[in-house]
Protein backbone atom coordinates (compact mmCIF):
# COMPACT_ATOMS: atom_id res chain seq x y z
CA UNK A 1 171.11 12.94 94.49
CA UNK A 2 172.41 16.43 93.83
CA UNK A 3 172.33 18.60 97.00
CA UNK A 4 173.01 22.30 96.58
CA UNK A 5 174.14 25.33 98.58
CA UNK A 6 172.60 28.41 97.00
CA UNK A 7 174.26 31.81 96.93
CA UNK A 8 171.32 33.15 98.91
CA UNK A 9 171.87 30.58 101.67
CA UNK A 10 175.62 31.23 101.67
CA UNK A 11 175.01 34.94 102.09
CA UNK A 12 172.67 34.26 105.01
CA UNK A 13 175.21 31.93 106.58
CA UNK A 14 178.01 34.51 106.40
CA UNK A 15 175.86 37.54 107.17
CA UNK A 16 176.79 39.26 103.91
CA UNK A 17 175.10 40.18 100.65
CA UNK A 18 174.55 37.84 97.73
CA UNK A 19 176.59 40.29 95.66
CA UNK A 20 179.59 39.77 97.93
CA UNK A 21 179.29 36.00 97.66
CA UNK A 22 179.07 36.20 93.86
CA UNK A 23 182.13 38.42 93.81
CA UNK A 24 184.11 35.99 95.97
CA UNK A 25 183.08 33.00 93.87
CA UNK A 26 184.23 34.80 90.75
CA UNK A 27 187.50 36.13 92.17
CA UNK A 28 188.46 32.69 93.52
CA UNK A 29 187.32 30.98 90.29
CA UNK A 30 185.23 28.50 92.28
CA UNK A 31 182.95 26.07 90.41
CA UNK A 32 179.24 26.98 90.43
CA UNK A 33 176.12 25.93 88.52
CA UNK A 34 172.93 27.76 87.63
CA UNK A 35 169.64 25.90 88.18
CA UNK A 36 166.05 27.12 88.27
CA UNK A 37 167.30 30.68 87.89
CA UNK A 38 169.56 30.46 90.95
CA UNK A 39 173.30 30.03 91.33
CA UNK A 40 174.46 27.18 93.56
CA UNK A 41 177.55 25.18 94.44
CA UNK A 42 178.62 21.97 96.17
CA UNK A 43 181.03 20.75 98.85
CA UNK A 44 184.40 21.67 97.32
CA UNK A 45 183.34 25.23 96.58
CA UNK A 46 181.73 25.57 100.01
CA UNK A 47 184.92 24.44 101.70
CA UNK A 48 187.02 27.01 99.83
CA UNK A 49 184.50 29.83 100.21
CA UNK A 50 183.55 29.38 103.86
CA UNK A 51 186.90 28.14 105.24
CA UNK A 52 185.16 27.07 108.43
CA UNK A 53 187.19 25.26 111.08
CA UNK A 54 185.18 22.46 112.64
CA UNK A 55 185.89 20.80 115.94
CA UNK A 56 185.83 17.07 115.16
CA UNK A 57 182.89 15.42 116.89
CA UNK A 58 180.92 12.17 116.99
CA UNK A 59 177.15 12.67 117.03
CA UNK A 60 174.87 9.72 117.77
CA UNK A 61 171.18 9.82 116.79
CA UNK A 62 169.29 7.43 119.06
CA UNK A 63 165.97 6.83 120.78
CA UNK A 64 164.28 3.62 121.91
CA UNK A 65 161.31 4.14 119.58
CA UNK A 66 160.82 3.71 115.87
CA UNK A 67 159.04 6.21 113.65
CA UNK A 68 160.57 9.36 115.14
CA UNK A 69 162.26 10.45 111.90
CA UNK A 70 165.68 9.70 113.37
CA UNK A 71 167.22 8.46 110.12
CA UNK A 72 165.78 11.33 108.05
CA UNK A 73 167.25 13.86 110.48
CA UNK A 74 170.66 12.16 110.48
CA UNK A 75 170.65 11.98 106.69
CA UNK A 76 169.54 15.56 105.98
CA UNK A 77 171.80 16.99 108.68
CA UNK A 78 174.78 15.14 107.18
CA UNK A 79 173.94 16.46 103.72
CA UNK A 80 173.71 20.04 104.97
CA UNK A 81 176.89 19.77 107.04
CA UNK A 82 178.90 18.66 104.00
CA UNK A 83 177.44 21.65 102.12
CA UNK A 84 178.97 23.80 104.86
CA UNK A 85 182.33 22.37 103.80
CA UNK A 86 182.59 19.76 106.56
CA UNK A 87 184.09 16.37 105.79
CA UNK A 88 181.33 14.00 107.00
CA UNK A 89 181.22 10.27 107.68
CA UNK A 90 177.85 8.60 108.26
CA UNK A 91 177.83 5.29 110.11
CA UNK A 92 174.67 3.23 109.71
CA UNK A 93 174.28 0.89 112.68
CA UNK A 94 170.62 -0.01 112.17
CA UNK A 95 170.25 -3.47 110.63
CA UNK A 96 167.40 -2.14 108.50
CA UNK A 97 169.96 -0.07 106.59
CA UNK A 98 167.65 2.88 105.96
CA UNK A 99 170.46 5.44 106.09
CA UNK A 100 172.47 3.33 103.64
CA UNK A 101 169.48 3.24 101.29
CA UNK A 102 169.00 7.00 101.60
CA UNK A 103 172.65 7.46 100.59
CA UNK A 104 172.09 5.01 97.70
CA UNK A 105 174.96 2.67 98.54
CA UNK A 106 175.08 -1.11 98.25
CA UNK A 107 175.85 -2.64 101.64
CA UNK A 108 176.20 -6.10 100.07
CA UNK A 109 179.50 -5.28 98.38
CA UNK A 110 181.48 -4.21 101.44
CA UNK A 111 182.01 -5.20 105.08
CA UNK A 112 179.69 -3.73 107.71
CA UNK A 113 180.33 -3.16 111.42
CA UNK A 114 179.64 -6.75 112.46
CA UNK A 115 182.30 -7.94 109.98
CA UNK A 116 184.76 -5.41 111.36
CA UNK A 117 184.28 -6.62 114.94
CA UNK A 118 183.97 -10.35 114.24
CA UNK A 119 186.50 -10.77 111.43
CA UNK A 120 188.88 -7.86 112.04
CA UNK A 121 188.12 -6.23 108.71
CA UNK A 122 189.59 -2.78 108.23
CA UNK A 123 187.17 -0.03 109.13
CA UNK A 124 188.54 2.23 106.40
CA UNK A 125 188.06 -0.44 103.73
CA UNK A 126 184.37 -0.70 104.64
CA UNK A 127 183.72 3.00 104.03
CA UNK A 128 182.05 3.97 100.76
CA UNK A 129 181.93 7.38 99.10
CA UNK A 130 178.51 8.98 98.68
CA UNK A 131 179.67 12.32 97.30
CA UNK A 132 182.75 14.46 97.60
CA UNK A 133 183.03 15.28 101.30
CA UNK A 134 180.43 12.70 102.34
CA UNK A 135 181.15 9.01 103.07
CA UNK A 136 179.24 6.19 104.74
CA UNK A 137 179.90 2.94 106.55
CA UNK A 138 176.73 1.10 105.47
CA UNK A 139 174.63 -1.47 107.30
CA UNK A 140 172.69 -4.63 106.50
CA UNK A 141 170.71 -7.27 108.38
CA UNK A 142 173.84 -9.02 109.73
CA UNK A 143 174.39 -6.06 112.06
CA UNK A 144 171.55 -7.51 114.15
CA UNK A 145 174.28 -9.83 115.55
CA UNK A 146 176.43 -7.01 116.92
CA UNK A 147 175.38 -7.48 120.56
CA UNK A 148 176.20 -11.18 120.40
CA UNK A 149 179.60 -10.55 118.80
CA UNK A 150 180.48 -7.98 121.45
CA UNK A 151 179.53 -10.43 124.18
CA UNK A 152 181.33 -13.44 122.70
CA UNK A 153 184.50 -11.54 121.87
CA UNK A 154 184.60 -9.98 125.34
CA UNK A 155 184.84 -6.39 124.14
CA UNK A 156 184.75 -3.67 126.78
CA UNK A 157 181.82 -1.37 126.04
CA UNK A 158 183.81 1.77 126.72
CA UNK A 159 186.50 0.69 124.24
CA UNK A 160 184.76 -1.27 121.47
CA UNK A 161 183.94 1.79 119.35
CA UNK A 162 185.94 4.53 121.07
CA UNK A 163 189.34 3.69 119.56
CA UNK A 164 188.28 3.20 115.92
CA UNK A 165 186.16 6.35 116.06
CA UNK A 166 189.03 8.33 117.55
CA UNK A 167 191.24 7.20 114.67
CA UNK A 168 188.62 8.45 112.19
CA UNK A 169 188.51 11.89 113.81
CA UNK A 170 191.78 12.64 112.03
CA UNK A 171 190.07 12.27 108.66
CA UNK A 172 186.57 13.65 109.28
CA UNK A 173 185.18 16.82 110.80
CA UNK A 174 181.96 15.08 111.69
CA UNK A 175 180.93 11.47 112.32
CA UNK A 176 177.16 10.95 112.32
CA UNK A 177 175.87 7.61 113.67
CA UNK A 178 172.34 6.31 113.15
CA UNK A 179 171.50 3.74 115.85
CA UNK A 180 168.75 1.13 115.85
CA UNK A 181 165.70 2.02 117.99
CA UNK A 182 166.65 -0.38 120.77
CA UNK A 183 168.88 -0.89 123.79
CA UNK A 184 171.81 -3.29 123.88
CA UNK A 185 175.56 -3.75 124.02
CA UNK A 186 176.26 -2.11 120.67
CA UNK A 187 174.14 0.97 121.32
CA UNK A 188 175.70 1.30 124.78
CA UNK A 189 179.18 1.23 123.24
CA UNK A 190 178.23 3.89 120.71
CA UNK A 191 176.71 6.05 123.42
CA UNK A 192 179.93 5.88 125.44
CA UNK A 193 181.97 6.83 122.37
CA UNK A 194 179.78 9.80 121.44
CA UNK A 195 180.53 13.46 122.03
CA UNK A 196 176.79 14.10 122.00
CA UNK A 197 173.69 11.94 121.81
CA UNK A 198 170.80 13.46 119.88
CA UNK A 199 167.39 12.10 120.84
CA UNK A 200 164.63 12.84 118.30
CA UNK A 201 161.18 12.67 119.84
CA UNK A 202 157.81 13.16 118.15
CA UNK A 203 154.57 14.42 119.74
CA UNK A 204 153.26 11.02 120.74
CA UNK A 205 152.78 9.26 124.08
CA UNK A 206 154.95 6.27 123.18
CA UNK A 207 157.72 8.49 121.83
CA UNK A 208 157.87 10.29 125.19
CA UNK A 209 158.13 6.86 126.85
CA UNK A 210 160.98 6.04 124.47
CA UNK A 211 162.71 9.27 125.46
CA UNK A 212 162.50 8.34 129.13
CA UNK A 213 163.87 4.84 128.49
CA UNK A 214 166.74 6.33 126.50
CA UNK A 215 167.50 8.83 129.24
CA UNK A 216 167.45 6.08 131.87
CA UNK A 217 169.92 4.00 129.83
CA UNK A 218 172.25 6.99 129.47
CA UNK A 219 172.14 7.66 133.21
CA UNK A 220 173.01 4.04 133.97
CA UNK A 221 176.01 4.20 131.63
CA UNK A 222 177.14 7.46 133.20
CA UNK A 223 176.95 5.89 136.65
CA UNK A 224 178.71 2.66 135.70
CA UNK A 225 181.54 4.24 133.71
CA UNK A 226 181.84 7.49 135.69
CA UNK A 227 181.43 9.52 132.53
CA UNK A 228 179.27 12.46 131.56
CA UNK A 229 177.36 11.82 128.33
CA UNK A 230 175.88 15.01 126.86
CA UNK A 231 172.52 14.48 125.21
CA UNK A 232 170.01 16.80 123.60
CA UNK A 233 166.37 16.35 122.69
CA UNK A 234 165.07 17.30 119.24
CA UNK A 235 161.31 17.75 118.95
CA UNK A 236 160.57 16.44 115.46
CA UNK A 237 157.42 16.38 113.27
CA UNK A 238 155.90 19.31 115.18
CA UNK A 239 152.54 20.50 113.84
CA UNK A 240 151.40 23.88 115.18
CA UNK A 241 147.79 22.97 114.34
CA UNK A 242 147.92 19.88 116.55
CA UNK A 243 146.90 19.99 120.20
CA UNK A 244 149.14 16.99 120.93
CA UNK A 245 152.15 18.77 119.43
CA UNK A 246 151.59 21.80 121.65
CA UNK A 247 151.07 19.64 124.72
CA UNK A 248 154.27 17.69 124.01
CA UNK A 249 156.25 20.91 123.55
CA UNK A 250 154.88 22.35 126.80
CA UNK A 251 155.67 19.13 128.68
CA UNK A 252 159.26 19.12 127.45
CA UNK A 253 159.72 22.83 128.19
CA UNK A 254 158.40 22.41 131.72
CA UNK A 255 160.14 19.12 132.51
CA UNK A 256 162.94 19.57 135.08
CA UNK A 257 164.79 16.72 133.33
CA UNK A 258 164.47 17.77 129.69
CA UNK A 259 163.87 21.52 129.56
CA UNK A 260 167.59 22.31 129.60
CA UNK A 261 168.33 19.57 127.07
CA UNK A 262 165.59 20.50 124.61
CA UNK A 263 166.87 22.24 121.49
CA UNK A 264 165.41 25.76 121.30
CA UNK A 265 163.80 25.14 117.90
CA UNK A 266 161.70 22.23 116.69
CA UNK A 267 161.58 20.48 113.32
CA UNK A 268 158.22 21.03 111.65
CA UNK A 269 156.25 18.16 110.16
CA UNK A 270 156.81 17.99 106.41
CA UNK A 271 156.00 15.37 103.81
CA UNK A 272 159.07 16.61 101.97
CA UNK A 273 161.36 14.50 104.18
CA UNK A 274 159.53 11.30 103.23
CA UNK A 275 159.12 12.18 99.57
CA UNK A 276 162.73 13.22 99.10
CA UNK A 277 164.21 9.98 100.40
CA UNK A 278 161.63 7.93 98.49
CA UNK A 279 162.77 9.70 95.31
CA UNK A 280 166.45 9.13 96.03
CA UNK A 281 167.32 12.70 96.90
CA UNK A 282 167.65 15.09 99.84
CA UNK A 283 165.56 18.16 100.64
CA UNK A 284 168.55 20.21 99.48
CA UNK A 285 168.38 18.91 95.93
CA UNK A 286 166.01 21.76 95.15
CA UNK A 287 166.87 25.46 95.25
CA UNK A 288 163.38 26.32 96.52
CA UNK A 289 163.13 27.67 100.06
CA UNK A 290 161.03 25.18 102.04
CA UNK A 291 160.18 24.60 105.71
CA UNK A 292 162.13 21.34 105.67
CA UNK A 293 165.25 23.08 104.37
CA UNK A 294 164.89 25.95 106.82
CA UNK A 295 164.61 23.62 109.81
CA UNK A 296 167.53 21.37 108.86
CA UNK A 297 169.66 24.42 108.11
CA UNK A 298 168.93 25.74 111.59
CA UNK A 299 169.74 22.35 113.12
CA UNK A 300 173.02 22.22 111.22
CA UNK A 301 174.09 25.66 112.36
CA UNK A 302 173.16 24.80 115.93
CA UNK A 303 175.11 21.53 116.00
CA UNK A 304 178.17 22.63 114.06
CA UNK A 305 178.87 26.14 115.33
CA UNK A 306 182.07 26.44 113.28
CA UNK A 307 184.67 29.14 113.81
CA UNK A 308 183.68 31.75 111.25
CA UNK A 309 186.69 34.03 111.73
CA UNK A 310 188.23 33.47 108.30
CA UNK A 311 185.20 34.31 106.17
CA UNK A 312 184.31 37.23 108.42
CA UNK A 313 187.83 38.65 108.16
CA UNK A 314 187.51 38.41 104.40
CA UNK A 315 184.26 40.36 104.58
CA UNK A 316 185.88 43.02 106.70
CA UNK A 317 182.48 44.13 107.94
CA UNK A 318 182.24 42.28 111.24
CA UNK A 319 185.53 42.44 113.11
CA UNK A 320 183.98 42.15 116.55
CA UNK A 321 184.29 38.53 117.73
CA UNK A 322 181.08 38.83 119.70
CA UNK A 323 179.29 39.73 116.46
CA UNK A 324 180.85 36.75 114.72
CA UNK A 325 179.42 34.38 117.27
CA UNK A 326 175.89 35.49 116.41
CA UNK A 327 176.22 33.79 113.03
CA UNK A 328 176.00 30.40 114.67
CA UNK A 329 173.74 30.74 117.68
CA UNK A 330 170.06 30.05 117.95
């Protein structure tokens, strides 16, 4: 896996010319590589070039329905965020370990979350490096026992994950959690610890039912713990040629419950997501401009919204703060 931030994408991100980006890379002596006729760079260079300031946040990807592309979105978003210079930790909570496999880590050689809760293993010692700026706490089948461990050990749901995640905020700009497609004690604890819950839904009848079950579970937690839990809906695998896709989009846009929670853009259906993970890479391993890359880049900008004042001051072309904000809005 070799994800890349191209000079072209960096220029688009900052609202400047590719020439300016090239000049900055050269003047700061930042490492770059040329591939397929294009210049690109990785996390360390992105961090120095962009100098974005990220508000630390915990994002939970969850829906009570399999097959929605939840893990692919969490994986590709994490990759793109670390190419923005963010320090990212992925936490795989699904016992199937698909996110761990996408990151190409061996969950058998380190503790997973169930070991941390049941045996008091150190959370930090369970974290593995994927790439510079991107780490993961992997998962394996034993995590299917998490609900039972939480019950037997008498953990409070609003505390079981909140404290360890708060400790990790000091070391990471972004914590991305991939939940299993189910309800239970563990998922409830993660939901309570999240800053935002992201609910990927696909244009299918049963996926909409899964969305409604997920929303109901969130409302029950809000009521029981007197806490507001922000959640947003991501329409994934949208096909403009499909009548069902258009109907699903219209239903979400018109729903009094979901219309204000629906992200303003959708993620288009693309075989590239499936093929990339199957080949042990991300969609950002190529420098080609594809629909999959465009959509994940938009999603990343929408969810991160970093403070772009430093790079813009360096540019000297956009001093108006209102103009700066347009770099990271839909």
